């Protein structure tokens, strides 16, 4: 779970400190999937299973 928090923090830092539009928007997919699918990330890490069955 700490890895997910670190990933979210790093993506947020990149988004806030990037000097160009591409750098500012490139972390969005990571931030969005962690925000909306955090439980799925955790299931993959903890249980080694995919709740979505893929």
C-alpha atoms as a PDB file:
ATOM      1  CA  UNK A   1       0.000   0.000   0.000  1.00  0.00           C
ATOM      2  CA  UNK A   2       2.932   2.282   0.669  1.00  0.00           C
ATOM      3  CA  UNK A   3       4.045   1.822  -2.938  1.00  0.00           C
ATOM      4  CA  UNK A   4       0.693   3.102  -4.183  1.00  0.00           C
ATOM      5  CA  UNK A   5       0.969   6.135  -1.916  1.00  0.00           C
ATOM      6  CA  UNK A   6       4.503   6.803  -3.188  1.00  0.00           C
ATOM      7  CA  UNK A   7       3.387   6.462  -6.792  1.00  0.00           C
ATOM      8  CA  UNK A   8       0.507   8.880  -6.210  1.00  0.00           C
ATOM      9  CA  UNK A   9       2.806  11.366  -4.485  1.00  0.00           C
ATOM     10  CA  UNK A  10       5.417  11.233  -7.247  1.00  0.00           C
ATOM     11  CA  UNK A  11       2.793  11.657  -9.956  1.00  0.00           C
ATOM     12  CA  UNK A  12       1.368  14.652  -8.084  1.00  0.00           C
ATOM     13  CA  UNK A  13       4.822  16.227  -7.800  1.00  0.00           C
ATOM     14  CA  UNK A  14       5.479  15.721 -11.504  1.00  0.00           C
ATOM     15  CA  UNK A  15       2.116  17.267 -12.373  1.00  0.00           C
ATOM     16  CA  UNK A  16       2.749  20.297 -10.159  1.00  0.00           C
ATOM     17  CA  UNK A  17       6.360  20.924 -11.132  1.00  0.00           C
ATOM     18  CA  UNK A  18       6.475  20.144 -14.859  1.00  0.00           C
ATOM     19  CA  UNK A  19       7.268  23.095 -17.064  1.00  0.00           C
ATOM     20  CA  UNK A  20       5.305  22.015 -20.126  1.00  0.00           C
ATOM     21  CA  UNK A  21       1.764  20.882 -20.828  1.00  0.00           C
ATOM     22  CA  UNK A  22       2.789  17.326 -21.652  1.00  0.00           C
ATOM     23  CA  UNK A  23       4.614  16.959 -18.353  1.00  0.00           C
ATOM     24  CA  UNK A  24       1.682  18.428 -16.477  1.00  0.00           C
ATOM     25  CA  UNK A  25      -0.841  16.041 -18.002  1.00  0.00           C
ATOM     26  CA  UNK A  26       1.192  12.839 -18.358  1.00  0.00           C
ATOM     27  CA  UNK A  27       0.652  11.782 -14.701  1.00  0.00           C
ATOM     28  CA  UNK A  28      -3.144  12.049 -15.069  1.00  0.00           C
ATOM     29  CA  UNK A  29      -3.766   8.389 -16.031  1.00  0.00           C
ATOM     30  CA  UNK A  30      -1.801   7.199 -13.002  1.00  0.00           C
ATOM     31  CA  UNK A  31      -3.541   9.611 -10.644  1.00  0.00           C
ATOM     32  CA  UNK A  32      -6.959   8.808 -12.079  1.00  0.00           C
ATOM     33  CA  UNK A  33      -6.612   5.025 -11.879  1.00  0.00           C
ATOM     34  CA  UNK A  34      -5.297   5.170  -8.332  1.00  0.00           C
ATOM     35  CA  UNK A  35      -8.176   7.465  -7.363  1.00  0.00           C
ATOM     36  CA  UNK A  36     -10.899   5.338  -8.957  1.00  0.00           C
ATOM     37  CA  UNK A  37      -9.432   1.825  -8.769  1.00  0.00           C
ATOM     38  CA  UNK A  38      -7.316   1.811  -5.618  1.00  0.00           C
ATOM     39  CA  UNK A  39      -8.985  -1.372  -4.347  1.00  0.00           C
ATOM     40  CA  UNK A  40      -8.051  -3.166  -7.557  1.00  0.00           C
ATOM     41  CA  UNK A  41      -4.429  -2.092  -7.159  1.00  0.00           C
ATOM     42  CA  UNK A  42      -4.482  -3.425  -3.600  1.00  0.00           C
ATOM     43  CA  UNK A  43      -6.040  -6.735  -4.647  1.00  0.00           C
ATOM     44  CA  UNK A  44      -3.297  -7.256  -7.211  1.00  0.00           C
ATOM     45  CA  UNK A  45      -0.614  -6.486  -4.630  1.00  0.00           C
ATOM     46  CA  UNK A  46      -2.021  -8.257  -1.575  1.00  0.00           C
ATOM     47  CA  UNK A  47      -4.026 -11.131  -3.018  1.00  0.00           C
ATOM     48  CA  UNK A  48      -2.248 -11.601  -6.364  1.00  0.00           C
ATOM     49  CA  UNK A  49      -5.708 -11.623  -7.945  1.00  0.00           C
ATOM     50  CA  UNK A  50      -7.634  -9.426 -10.324  1.00  0.00           C
ATOM     51  CA  UNK A  51     -11.135  -8.540  -9.090  1.00  0.00           C
ATOM     52  CA  UNK A  52     -12.113  -7.672 -12.664  1.00  0.00           C
ATOM     53  CA  UNK A  53     -11.130 -11.143 -13.812  1.00  0.00           C
ATOM     54  CA  UNK A  54      -8.724 -10.009 -16.508  1.00  0.00           C
END
